[in-house]
Amino acid sequence: MDFSMQENHSLSWSNVALALSFVAFSMMFSFSFGLGVESSMGVGAFRCVVQLTAVATVLQRVFEAERVWAVASISLLLNLLGTIEIVLNKSQRRHRNMFLSVLLSLLCATIPISILGTRFAMSKEKFWIPVDYIPIVGMLCGSTISGIVVSTSYILKELEENQDKVEIYLALGASRMEACKPIAVEALRLALTPSINRMSVLGIIAIPGMMTGAILGGASVQQAARLQMVITFMESASTSLAAMISTMWALSCVVDREHRVRNERVDNRDHVVWRVVRKVGTGARDVVCGFARKSNSEEDDGEREPLLG
């Protein structure tokens, strides 16, 4: 039986608009039950459309060029954007030099595993071919982000709330890694749980997007299934490596070489970017309101009639 696509159906913006009605239904559901997430859904849908459109435009040019430097640039950009998403939007707590640690964790995990997986597991002689390599790096970045966020957030939360327990271990002569080992083990366990659950339900309960896309693209079902296995195992390895690196970096930052817990190195506030944006927005609003009040007062003075004629 031939499972390949018999016809190539091109999707237009009208199809996207029709699919957007599903998001509108979810927003109505949120509004009806007072969940308060309808605005987040709307912003997320808008970001999805803008980001995917921009990515499609850039990738089309990269795929046509087939330049190694373009592939390397896109791979670095994907890791950089993933780092920005983690540090600015996903993390409620941030330790010192967290941007650098997250970026290195992503690069050390996604780049080697994507190269090895594409070259050997997928048997691609030229692993840098854009149409093969870039989607894999993108999928690895997407799956690795959650592992870094979960592990780092748990580490910083536990070191703040259970600082006294860690200091007791340190006072009894334990090194910083020995004192923080239970926290690190639990952080890594939480970070890897989604990957384990994903592998457990693939095929029986859920048909993943990579396999579905390969089937719709014309690949045989068996080839699509094997490709999904390779991608899933690569995602699991990338998540494990990135979570381990970010966990060790967070521990070494918050607990210094003198075996002291330094919670002053952890910032619980919004990221400085959002604080600056909020401050600038507040200042601009005050300026606009001040001009509006001034113009209204001048109009009132001009229209006011004298009491004595």
C-alpha atoms as a PDB file:
ATOM      1  CA  MET A   1       0.000   0.000   0.000  1.00  0.00           C
ATOM      2  CA  ASP A   2       1.317   3.419  -0.941  1.00  0.00           C
ATOM      3  CA  PHE A   3       1.020   5.900   1.905  1.00  0.00           C
ATOM      4  CA  SER A   4       2.678   8.775   0.063  1.00  0.00           C
ATOM      5  CA  MET A   5       0.848  11.968  -0.721  1.00  0.00           C
ATOM      6  CA  GLN A   6      -0.955  11.763  -4.050  1.00  0.00           C
ATOM      7  CA  GLU A   7      -1.553  15.457  -4.314  1.00  0.00           C
ATOM      8  CA  ASN A   8       0.317  18.487  -3.048  1.00  0.00           C
ATOM      9  CA  HIS A   9      -2.177  20.802  -1.421  1.00  0.00           C
ATOM     10  CA  SER A  10      -0.870  24.316  -0.870  1.00  0.00           C
ATOM     11  CA  LEU A  11      -2.206  26.123   2.170  1.00  0.00           C
ATOM     12  CA  SER A  12      -3.233  29.758   1.936  1.00  0.00           C
ATOM     13  CA  TRP A  13      -3.726  32.401   4.602  1.00  0.00           C
ATOM     14  CA  SER A  14      -7.436  31.626   4.552  1.00  0.00           C
ATOM     15  CA  ASN A  15      -6.622  28.138   5.854  1.00  0.00           C
ATOM     16  CA  VAL A  16      -4.545  29.674   8.634  1.00  0.00           C
ATOM     17  CA  ALA A  17      -7.390  32.062   9.490  1.00  0.00           C
ATOM     18  CA  LEU A  18      -9.808  29.135   9.647  1.00  0.00           C
ATOM     19  CA  ALA A  19      -7.476  27.241  11.969  1.00  0.00           C
ATOM     20  CA  LEU A  20      -7.176  30.387  14.094  1.00  0.00           C
ATOM     21  CA  SER A  21     -10.849  29.952  14.980  1.00  0.00           C
ATOM     22  CA  PHE A  22      -9.768  27.037  17.191  1.00  0.00           C
ATOM     23  CA  VAL A  23      -7.676  29.459  19.232  1.00  0.00           C
ATOM     24  CA  ALA A  24     -10.638  31.844  19.341  1.00  0.00           C
ATOM     25  CA  PHE A  25     -12.744  29.028  20.788  1.00  0.00           C
ATOM     26  CA  SER A  26     -10.147  28.455  23.498  1.00  0.00           C
ATOM     27  CA  MET A  27     -10.092  32.183  24.265  1.00  0.00           C
ATOM     28  CA  MET A  28     -13.894  32.198  24.592  1.00  0.00           C
ATOM     29  CA  PHE A  29     -13.671  29.189  26.881  1.00  0.00           C
ATOM     30  CA  SER A  30     -11.100  30.986  29.042  1.00  0.00           C
ATOM     31  CA  PHE A  31     -13.221  34.133  29.186  1.00  0.00           C
ATOM     32  CA  SER A  32     -16.414  32.220  30.051  1.00  0.00           C
ATOM     33  CA  PHE A  33     -14.826  30.431  32.999  1.00  0.00           C
ATOM     34  CA  GLY A  34     -12.761  33.380  34.145  1.00  0.00           C
ATOM     35  CA  LEU A  35      -9.414  31.681  33.611  1.00  0.00           C
ATOM     36  CA  GLY A  36      -7.732  34.943  32.637  1.00  0.00           C
ATOM     37  CA  VAL A  37      -5.467  33.422  29.978  1.00  0.00           C
ATOM     38  CA  GLU A  38      -7.273  34.643  26.862  1.00  0.00           C
ATOM     39  CA  SER A  39      -4.854  37.519  26.370  1.00  0.00           C
ATOM     40  CA  SER A  40      -1.898  35.138  26.663  1.00  0.00           C
ATOM     41  CA  MET A  41      -3.502  32.872  24.077  1.00  0.00           C
ATOM     42  CA  GLY A  42      -3.986  35.789  21.706  1.00  0.00           C
ATOM     43  CA  VAL A  43      -0.409  36.996  22.132  1.00  0.00           C
ATOM     44  CA  GLY A  44       0.888  33.457  21.723  1.00  0.00           C
ATOM     45  CA  ALA A  45      -1.081  32.934  18.517  1.00  0.00           C
ATOM     46  CA  PHE A  46       0.142  36.269  17.148  1.00  0.00           C
ATOM     47  CA  ARG A  47       3.742  35.399  17.987  1.00  0.00           C
ATOM     48  CA  CYS A  48       3.291  31.995  16.373  1.00  0.00           C
ATOM     49  CA  VAL A  49       2.129  33.513  13.087  1.00  0.00           C
ATOM     50  CA  VAL A  50       4.812  36.218  12.989  1.00  0.00           C
ATOM     51  CA  GLN A  51       7.670  33.962  14.063  1.00  0.00           C
ATOM     52  CA  LEU A  52       6.830  31.068  11.752  1.00  0.00           C
ATOM     53  CA  THR A  53       6.370  33.441   8.818  1.00  0.00           C
ATOM     54  CA  ALA A  54       9.747  35.036   9.453  1.00  0.00           C
ATOM     55  CA  VAL A  55      11.436  31.672   9.945  1.00  0.00           C
ATOM     56  CA  ALA A  56       9.908  30.290   6.754  1.00  0.00           C
ATOM     57  CA  THR A  57      11.150  33.289   4.774  1.00  0.00           C
ATOM     58  CA  VAL A  58      14.691  33.025   6.131  1.00  0.00           C
ATOM     59  CA  LEU A  59      14.909  29.240   5.874  1.00  0.00           C
ATOM     60  CA  GLN A  60      13.706  29.263   2.292  1.00  0.00           C
ATOM     61  CA  ARG A  61      16.703  31.391   1.332  1.00  0.00           C
ATOM     62  CA  VAL A  62      19.081  29.281   3.421  1.00  0.00           C
ATOM     63  CA  PHE A  63      17.797  26.042   1.893  1.00  0.00           C
ATOM     64  CA  GLU A  64      18.306  27.434  -1.576  1.00  0.00           C
ATOM     65  CA  ALA A  65      21.831  28.701  -0.837  1.00  0.00           C
ATOM     66  CA  GLU A  66      23.154  25.543   0.919  1.00  0.00           C
ATOM     67  CA  ARG A  67      26.032  27.434   2.523  1.00  0.00           C
ATOM     68  CA  VAL A  68      27.812  26.022   5.563  1.00  0.00           C
ATOM     69  CA  TRP A  69      28.219  29.458   7.130  1.00  0.00           C
ATOM     70  CA  ALA A  70      24.469  30.082   6.758  1.00  0.00           C
ATOM     71  CA  VAL A  71      23.676  26.791   8.492  1.00  0.00           C
ATOM     72  CA  ALA A  72      26.084  27.640  11.318  1.00  0.00           C
ATOM     73  CA  SER A  73      24.570  31.115  11.669  1.00  0.00           C
ATOM     74  CA  ILE A  74      21.011  29.793  11.855  1.00  0.00           C
ATOM     75  CA  SER A  75      22.025  27.164  14.394  1.00  0.00           C
ATOM     76  CA  LEU A  76      23.683  29.795  16.582  1.00  0.00           C
ATOM     77  CA  LEU A  77      20.665  32.084  16.205  1.00  0.00           C
ATOM     78  CA  LEU A  78      18.267  29.328  17.289  1.00  0.00           C
ATOM     79  CA  ASN A  79      20.323  28.662  20.417  1.00  0.00           C
ATOM     80  CA  LEU A  80      20.581  32.391  21.122  1.00  0.00           C
ATOM     81  CA  LEU A  81      16.821  32.873  20.806  1.00  0.00           C
ATOM     82  CA  GLY A  82      16.251  29.853  23.041  1.00  0.00           C
ATOM     83  CA  THR A  83      18.539  31.397  25.652  1.00  0.00           C
ATOM     84  CA  ILE A  84      16.666  34.694  25.493  1.00  0.00           C
ATOM     85  CA  GLU A  85      13.350  32.887  25.896  1.00  0.00           C
ATOM     86  CA  ILE A  86      14.594  31.012  28.960  1.00  0.00           C
ATOM     87  CA  VAL A  87      16.244  33.928  30.732  1.00  0.00           C
ATOM     88  CA  LEU A  88      13.722  36.657  29.905  1.00  0.00           C
ATOM     89  CA  ASN A  89      10.382  34.842  29.858  1.00  0.00           C
ATOM     90  CA  LYS A  90      10.541  31.371  31.386  1.00  0.00           C
ATOM     91  CA  SER A  91      12.623  31.824  34.536  1.00  0.00           C
ATOM     92  CA  GLN A  92      11.168  33.405  37.662  1.00  0.00           C
ATOM     93  CA  ARG A  93      14.575  33.295  39.359  1.00  0.00           C
ATOM     94  CA  ARG A  94      17.897  34.039  37.701  1.00  0.00           C
ATOM     95  CA  HIS A  95      21.398  33.543  39.050  1.00  0.00           C
ATOM     96  CA  ARG A  96      24.437  35.581  38.133  1.00  0.00           C
ATOM     97  CA  ASN A  97      25.723  35.013  34.582  1.00  0.00           C
ATOM     98  CA  MET A  98      22.684  32.881  33.828  1.00  0.00           C
ATOM     99  CA  PHE A  99      22.521  34.059  30.216  1.00  0.00           C
ATOM    100  CA  LEU A 100      26.021  32.751  29.533  1.00  0.00           C
ATOM    101  CA  SER A 101      25.402  29.473  31.355  1.00  0.00           C
ATOM    102  CA  VAL A 102      22.167  28.761  29.504  1.00  0.00           C
ATOM    103  CA  LEU A 103      23.695  29.636  26.134  1.00  0.00           C
ATOM    104  CA  LEU A 104      26.676  27.343  26.708  1.00  0.00           C
ATOM    105  CA  SER A 105      24.381  24.579  27.972  1.00  0.00           C
ATOM    106  CA  LEU A 106      22.303  24.771  24.811  1.00  0.00           C
ATOM    107  CA  LEU A 107      25.299  24.934  22.491  1.00  0.00           C
ATOM    108  CA  CYS A 108      27.143  22.076  24.219  1.00  0.00           C
ATOM    109  CA  ALA A 109      24.042  19.896  24.023  1.00  0.00           C
ATOM    110  CA  THR A 110      22.335  20.660  20.717  1.00  0.00           C
ATOM    111  CA  ILE A 111      25.320  21.120  18.381  1.00  0.00           C
ATOM    112  CA  PRO A 112      27.329  17.924  19.121  1.00  0.00           C
ATOM    113  CA  ILE A 113      24.254  15.714  19.357  1.00  0.00           C
ATOM    114  CA  SER A 114      22.736  17.129  16.178  1.00  0.00           C
ATOM    115  CA  ILE A 115      25.997  16.598  14.276  1.00  0.00           C
ATOM    116  CA  LEU A 116      26.502  13.045  15.532  1.00  0.00           C
ATOM    117  CA  GLY A 117      22.857  12.130  15.079  1.00  0.00           C
ATOM    118  CA  THR A 118      22.599  13.527  11.569  1.00  0.00           C
ATOM    119  CA  ARG A 119      25.915  12.079  10.426  1.00  0.00           C
ATOM    120  CA  PHE A 120      25.696   8.581  11.912  1.00  0.00           C
ATOM    121  CA  ALA A 121      22.173   7.817  13.183  1.00  0.00           C
ATOM    122  CA  MET A 122      20.544   9.303  10.070  1.00  0.00           C
ATOM    123  CA  SER A 123      23.413   8.271   7.736  1.00  0.00           C
ATOM    124  CA  LYS A 124      23.859  11.680   6.140  1.00  0.00           C
ATOM    125  CA  GLU A 125      27.289  12.045   4.526  1.00  0.00           C
ATOM    126  CA  LYS A 126      26.921  15.837   4.417  1.00  0.00           C
ATOM    127  CA  PHE A 127      25.274  16.532   7.753  1.00  0.00           C
ATOM    128  CA  TRP A 128      25.369  20.302   7.178  1.00  0.00           C
ATOM    129  CA  ILE A 129      22.781  20.228   4.393  1.00  0.00           C
ATOM    130  CA  PRO A 130      20.273  22.889   5.573  1.00  0.00           C
ATOM    131  CA  VAL A 131      17.098  20.936   4.851  1.00  0.00           C
ATOM    132  CA  ASP A 132      18.341  18.091   7.081  1.00  0.00           C
ATOM    133  CA  TYR A 133      20.345  19.814   9.805  1.00  0.00           C
ATOM    134  CA  ILE A 134      18.472  23.009  10.681  1.00  0.00           C
ATOM    135  CA  PRO A 135      15.096  21.372  11.514  1.00  0.00           C
ATOM    136  CA  ILE A 136      16.893  18.932  13.802  1.00  0.00           C
ATOM    137  CA  VAL A 137      18.691  21.725  15.668  1.00  0.00           C
ATOM    138  CA  GLY A 138      15.380  23.543  16.032  1.00  0.00           C
ATOM    139  CA  MET A 139      13.664  20.491  17.501  1.00  0.00           C
ATOM    140  CA  LEU A 140      16.545  19.851  19.891  1.00  0.00           C
ATOM    141  CA  CYS A 141      16.460  23.473  21.080  1.00  0.00           C
ATOM    142  CA  GLY A 142      12.713  23.320  21.637  1.00  0.00           C
ATOM    143  CA  SER A 143      12.855  20.141  23.696  1.00  0.00           C
ATOM    144  CA  THR A 144      15.956  21.183  25.648  1.00  0.00           C
ATOM    145  CA  ILE A 145      14.504  24.492  26.823  1.00  0.00           C
ATOM    146  CA  SER A 146      12.020  22.835  29.172  1.00  0.00           C
ATOM    147  CA  GLY A 147      14.722  20.695  30.792  1.00  0.00           C
ATOM    148  CA  ILE A 148      16.930  23.707  31.511  1.00  0.00           C
ATOM    149  CA  VAL A 149      14.029  25.737  32.900  1.00  0.00           C
ATOM    150  CA  VAL A 150      12.822  22.948  35.186  1.00  0.00           C
ATOM    151  CA  SER A 151      16.242  22.014  36.562  1.00  0.00           C
ATOM    152  CA  THR A 152      17.512  25.562  37.089  1.00  0.00           C
ATOM    153  CA  SER A 153      14.256  26.811  38.612  1.00  0.00           C
ATOM    154  CA  TYR A 154      14.170  23.922  41.064  1.00  0.00           C
ATOM    155  CA  ILE A 155      17.803  24.451  42.077  1.00  0.00           C
ATOM    156  CA  LEU A 156      17.338  28.158  42.780  1.00  0.00           C
ATOM    157  CA  LYS A 157      14.032  27.607  44.571  1.00  0.00           C
ATOM    158  CA  GLU A 158      15.402  24.918  46.870  1.00  0.00           C
ATOM    159  CA  LEU A 159      18.581  26.815  47.691  1.00  0.00           C
ATOM    160  CA  GLU A 160      16.471  29.794  48.722  1.00  0.00           C
ATOM    161  CA  GLU A 161      13.797  27.951  50.709  1.00  0.00           C
ATOM    162  CA  ASN A 162      16.062  25.276  52.254  1.00  0.00           C
ATOM    163  CA  GLN A 163      19.220  27.289  52.724  1.00  0.00           C
ATOM    164  CA  ASP A 164      19.510  26.208  56.357  1.00  0.00           C
ATOM    165  CA  LYS A 165      19.624  22.501  55.454  1.00  0.00           C
ATOM    166  CA  VAL A 166      22.390  23.035  52.931  1.00  0.00           C
ATOM    167  CA  GLU A 167      24.356  25.141  55.409  1.00  0.00           C
ATOM    168  CA  ILE A 168      24.092  22.380  58.015  1.00  0.00           C
ATOM    169  CA  TYR A 169      25.697  19.924  55.598  1.00  0.00           C
ATOM    170  CA  LEU A 170      28.387  22.486  54.806  1.00  0.00           C
ATOM    171  CA  ALA A 171      29.029  23.117  58.507  1.00  0.00           C
ATOM    172  CA  LEU A 172      29.507  19.385  59.064  1.00  0.00           C
ATOM    173  CA  GLY A 173      32.312  19.329  56.513  1.00  0.00           C
ATOM    174  CA  ALA A 174      30.541  18.407  53.303  1.00  0.00           C
ATOM    175  CA  SER A 175      31.689  19.969  50.055  1.00  0.00           C
ATOM    176  CA  ARG A 176      29.263  22.114  48.115  1.00  0.00           C
ATOM    177  CA  MET A 177      28.527  19.311  45.665  1.00  0.00           C
ATOM    178  CA  GLU A 178      27.978  16.802  48.470  1.00  0.00           C
ATOM    179  CA  ALA A 179      25.677  19.194  50.308  1.00  0.00           C
ATOM    180  CA  CYS A 180      23.675  19.982  47.176  1.00  0.00           C
ATOM    181  CA  LYS A 181      23.584  16.447  45.750  1.00  0.00           C
ATOM    182  CA  PRO A 182      19.975  15.680  46.851  1.00  0.00           C
ATOM    183  CA  ILE A 183      18.770  18.925  45.285  1.00  0.00           C
ATOM    184  CA  ALA A 184      20.696  18.257  42.074  1.00  0.00           C
ATOM    185  CA  VAL A 185      19.395  14.698  41.787  1.00  0.00           C
ATOM    186  CA  GLU A 186      15.789  15.806  42.205  1.00  0.00           C
ATOM    187  CA  ALA A 187      16.261  18.684  39.750  1.00  0.00           C
ATOM    188  CA  LEU A 188      17.624  16.368  37.068  1.00  0.00           C
ATOM    189  CA  ARG A 189      14.890  13.831  37.736  1.00  0.00           C
ATOM    190  CA  LEU A 190      12.231  16.482  37.221  1.00  0.00           C
ATOM    191  CA  ALA A 191      13.951  17.763  34.093  1.00  0.00           C
ATOM    192  CA  LEU A 192      14.123  14.314  32.489  1.00  0.00           C
ATOM    193  CA  THR A 193      10.614  13.174  33.440  1.00  0.00           C
ATOM    194  CA  PRO A 194       8.908  14.825  30.413  1.00  0.00           C
ATOM    195  CA  SER A 195      11.334  13.113  28.016  1.00  0.00           C
ATOM    196  CA  ILE A 196      10.705   9.749  29.648  1.00  0.00           C
ATOM    197  CA  ASN A 197       6.950  10.250  29.515  1.00  0.00           C
ATOM    198  CA  ARG A 198       7.155  11.332  25.874  1.00  0.00           C
ATOM    199  CA  MET A 199       9.034   8.186  24.886  1.00  0.00           C
ATOM    200  CA  SER A 200       6.563   6.054  26.806  1.00  0.00           C
ATOM    201  CA  VAL A 201       3.459   7.258  24.973  1.00  0.00           C
ATOM    202  CA  LEU A 202       4.834   7.640  21.443  1.00  0.00           C
ATOM    203  CA  GLY A 203       3.091   5.452  18.896  1.00  0.00           C
ATOM    204  CA  ILE A 204       0.498   3.912  21.206  1.00  0.00           C
ATOM    205  CA  ILE A 205      -1.211   7.009  22.598  1.00  0.00           C
ATOM    206  CA  ALA A 206       0.226   9.847  20.512  1.00  0.00           C
ATOM    207  CA  ILE A 207       1.580  10.143  16.985  1.00  0.00           C
ATOM    208  CA  PRO A 208       4.230  12.877  17.196  1.00  0.00           C
ATOM    209  CA  GLY A 209       4.501  15.827  14.871  1.00  0.00           C
ATOM    210  CA  MET A 210       7.761  14.762  13.216  1.00  0.00           C
ATOM    211  CA  MET A 211       6.307  11.420  12.168  1.00  0.00           C
ATOM    212  CA  THR A 212       3.077  13.030  11.010  1.00  0.00           C
ATOM    213  CA  GLY A 213       4.973  15.613   8.960  1.00  0.00           C
ATOM    214  CA  ALA A 214       7.120  12.934   7.322  1.00  0.00           C
ATOM    215  CA  ILE A 215       4.041  10.908   6.383  1.00  0.00           C
ATOM    216  CA  LEU A 216       2.261  13.950   4.983  1.00  0.00           C
ATOM    217  CA  GLY A 217       5.442  14.818   3.109  1.00  0.00           C
ATOM    218  CA  GLY A 218       5.390  11.502   1.256  1.00  0.00           C
ATOM    219  CA  ALA A 219       7.641   9.222   3.337  1.00  0.00           C
ATOM    220  CA  SER A 220       6.630   5.664   4.077  1.00  0.00           C
ATOM    221  CA  VAL A 221       5.143   4.949   7.470  1.00  0.00           C
ATOM    222  CA  GLN A 222       8.051   2.695   8.467  1.00  0.00           C
ATOM    223  CA  GLN A 223      10.641   5.314   7.524  1.00  0.00           C
ATOM    224  CA  ALA A 224       8.672   8.007   9.324  1.00  0.00           C
ATOM    225  CA  ALA A 225       8.504   5.857  12.469  1.00  0.00           C
ATOM    226  CA  ARG A 226      12.265   5.188  12.414  1.00  0.00           C
ATOM    227  CA  LEU A 227      12.996   8.850  11.837  1.00  0.00           C
ATOM    228  CA  GLN A 228      10.826   9.735  14.820  1.00  0.00           C
ATOM    229  CA  MET A 229      12.709   7.236  16.987  1.00  0.00           C
ATOM    230  CA  VAL A 230      16.039   8.805  16.052  1.00  0.00           C
ATOM    231  CA  ILE A 231      14.780  12.339  16.728  1.00  0.00           C
ATOM    232  CA  THR A 232      13.213  11.335  20.055  1.00  0.00           C
ATOM    233  CA  PHE A 233      16.417   9.713  21.300  1.00  0.00           C
ATOM    234  CA  MET A 234      18.430  12.742  20.223  1.00  0.00           C
ATOM    235  CA  GLU A 235      16.032  15.031  22.090  1.00  0.00           C
ATOM    236  CA  SER A 236      16.352  12.916  25.227  1.00  0.00           C
ATOM    237  CA  ALA A 237      20.158  13.025  25.101  1.00  0.00           C
ATOM    238  CA  SER A 238      20.208  16.768  24.426  1.00  0.00           C
ATOM    239  CA  THR A 239      17.858  17.471  27.326  1.00  0.00           C
ATOM    240  CA  SER A 240      19.922  15.328  29.688  1.00  0.00           C
ATOM    241  CA  LEU A 241      23.217  16.969  28.765  1.00  0.00           C
ATOM    242  CA  ALA A 242      21.886  20.537  28.867  1.00  0.00           C
ATOM    243  CA  ALA A 243      20.087  19.986  32.186  1.00  0.00           C
ATOM    244  CA  MET A 244      23.227  18.538  33.746  1.00  0.00           C
ATOM    245  CA  ILE A 245      25.420  21.434  32.602  1.00  0.00           C
ATOM    246  CA  SER A 246      22.961  24.124  33.703  1.00  0.00           C
ATOM    247  CA  THR A 247      22.409  22.396  37.057  1.00  0.00           C
ATOM    248  CA  MET A 248      26.115  22.201  37.842  1.00  0.00           C
ATOM    249  CA  TRP A 249      26.600  25.820  36.765  1.00  0.00           C
ATOM    250  CA  ALA A 250      23.728  27.041  38.971  1.00  0.00           C
ATOM    251  CA  LEU A 251      25.054  25.152  41.992  1.00  0.00           C
ATOM    252  CA  SER A 252      28.591  26.440  41.546  1.00  0.00           C
ATOM    253  CA  CYS A 253      27.254  29.990  41.216  1.00  0.00           C
ATOM    254  CA  VAL A 254      24.972  30.053  44.248  1.00  0.00           C
ATOM    255  CA  VAL A 255      27.313  27.995  46.492  1.00  0.00           C
ATOM    256  CA  ASP A 256      30.778  29.502  46.112  1.00  0.00           C
ATOM    257  CA  ARG A 257      34.232  27.948  46.463  1.00  0.00           C
ATOM    258  CA  GLU A 258      34.316  28.850  50.137  1.00  0.00           C
ATOM    259  CA  HIS A 259      31.261  26.607  50.621  1.00  0.00           C
ATOM    260  CA  ARG A 260      28.911  29.467  51.391  1.00  0.00           C
ATOM    261  CA  VAL A 261      25.341  29.799  50.127  1.00  0.00           C
ATOM    262  CA  ARG A 262      25.192  33.119  48.266  1.00  0.00           C
ATOM    263  CA  ASN A 263      21.491  33.783  47.695  1.00  0.00           C
ATOM    264  CA  GLU A 264      22.300  37.415  46.961  1.00  0.00           C
ATOM    265  CA  ARG A 265      23.474  36.128  43.592  1.00  0.00           C
ATOM    266  CA  VAL A 266      19.888  35.118  42.775  1.00  0.00           C
ATOM    267  CA  ASP A 267      17.468  37.724  41.437  1.00  0.00           C
ATOM    268  CA  ASN A 268      13.741  37.140  41.981  1.00  0.00           C
ATOM    269  CA  ARG A 269      12.643  40.286  40.159  1.00  0.00           C
ATOM    270  CA  ASP A 270      11.560  40.589  36.569  1.00  0.00           C
ATOM    271  CA  HIS A 271      14.414  40.687  34.118  1.00  0.00           C
ATOM    272  CA  VAL A 272      16.080  44.079  33.732  1.00  0.00           C
ATOM    273  CA  VAL A 273      14.837  44.279  30.129  1.00  0.00           C
ATOM    274  CA  TRP A 274      11.201  44.127  31.230  1.00  0.00           C
ATOM    275  CA  ARG A 275      11.841  46.559  34.080  1.00  0.00           C
ATOM    276  CA  VAL A 276      13.322  49.070  31.627  1.00  0.00           C
ATOM    277  CA  VAL A 277      10.472  48.535  29.163  1.00  0.00           C
ATOM    278  CA  ARG A 278       7.903  49.036  31.925  1.00  0.00           C
ATOM    279  CA  LYS A 279       9.680  52.157  33.170  1.00  0.00           C
ATOM    280  CA  VAL A 280       9.872  53.623  29.671  1.00  0.00           C
ATOM    281  CA  GLY A 281       6.206  52.810  29.073  1.00  0.00           C
ATOM    282  CA  THR A 282       5.198  54.438  32.351  1.00  0.00           C
ATOM    283  CA  GLY A 283       7.231  57.556  31.531  1.00  0.00           C
ATOM    284  CA  ALA A 284       5.744  57.803  28.049  1.00  0.00           C
ATOM    285  CA  ARG A 285       2.233  57.432  29.469  1.00  0.00           C
ATOM    286  CA  ASP A 286       2.869  60.167  32.042  1.00  0.00           C
ATOM    287  CA  VAL A 287       4.153  62.503  29.329  1.00  0.00           C
ATOM    288  CA  VAL A 288       1.104  61.881  27.123  1.00  0.00           C
ATOM    289  CA  CYS A 289      -1.279  62.338  30.046  1.00  0.00           C
ATOM    290  CA  GLY A 290       0.522  65.552  31.043  1.00  0.00           C
ATOM    291  CA  PHE A 291       0.165  67.012  27.544  1.00  0.00           C
ATOM    292  CA  ALA A 292      -3.493  65.972  27.462  1.00  0.00           C
ATOM    293  CA  ARG A 293      -4.225  67.642  30.806  1.00  0.00           C
ATOM    294  CA  LYS A 294      -2.376  70.788  29.728  1.00  0.00           C
ATOM    295  CA  SER A 295      -4.285  71.056  26.440  1.00  0.00           C
ATOM    296  CA  ASN A 296      -7.616  70.485  28.225  1.00  0.00           C
ATOM    297  CA  SER A 297      -6.839  73.193  30.789  1.00  0.00           C
ATOM    298  CA  GLU A 298      -5.921  75.660  28.026  1.00  0.00           C
ATOM    299  CA  GLU A 299      -9.197  74.948  26.222  1.00  0.00           C
ATOM    300  CA  ASP A 300     -11.161  75.458  29.435  1.00  0.00           C
ATOM    301  CA  ASP A 301      -9.414  78.786  30.057  1.00  0.00           C
ATOM    302  CA  GLY A 302     -10.174  79.949  26.532  1.00  0.00           C
ATOM    303  CA  GLU A 303     -13.868  79.027  26.758  1.00  0.00           C
ATOM    304  CA  ARG A 304     -14.402  80.491  30.255  1.00  0.00           C
ATOM    305  CA  GLU A 305     -16.451  83.702  30.243  1.00  0.00           C
ATOM    306  CA  PRO A 306     -15.709  86.602  32.606  1.00  0.00           C
ATOM    307  CA  LEU A 307     -17.991  86.883  35.633  1.00  0.00           C
ATOM    308  CA  LEU A 308     -18.391  90.636  35.190  1.00  0.00           C
ATOM    309  CA  GLY A 309     -19.467  91.773  31.806  1.00  0.00           C
END
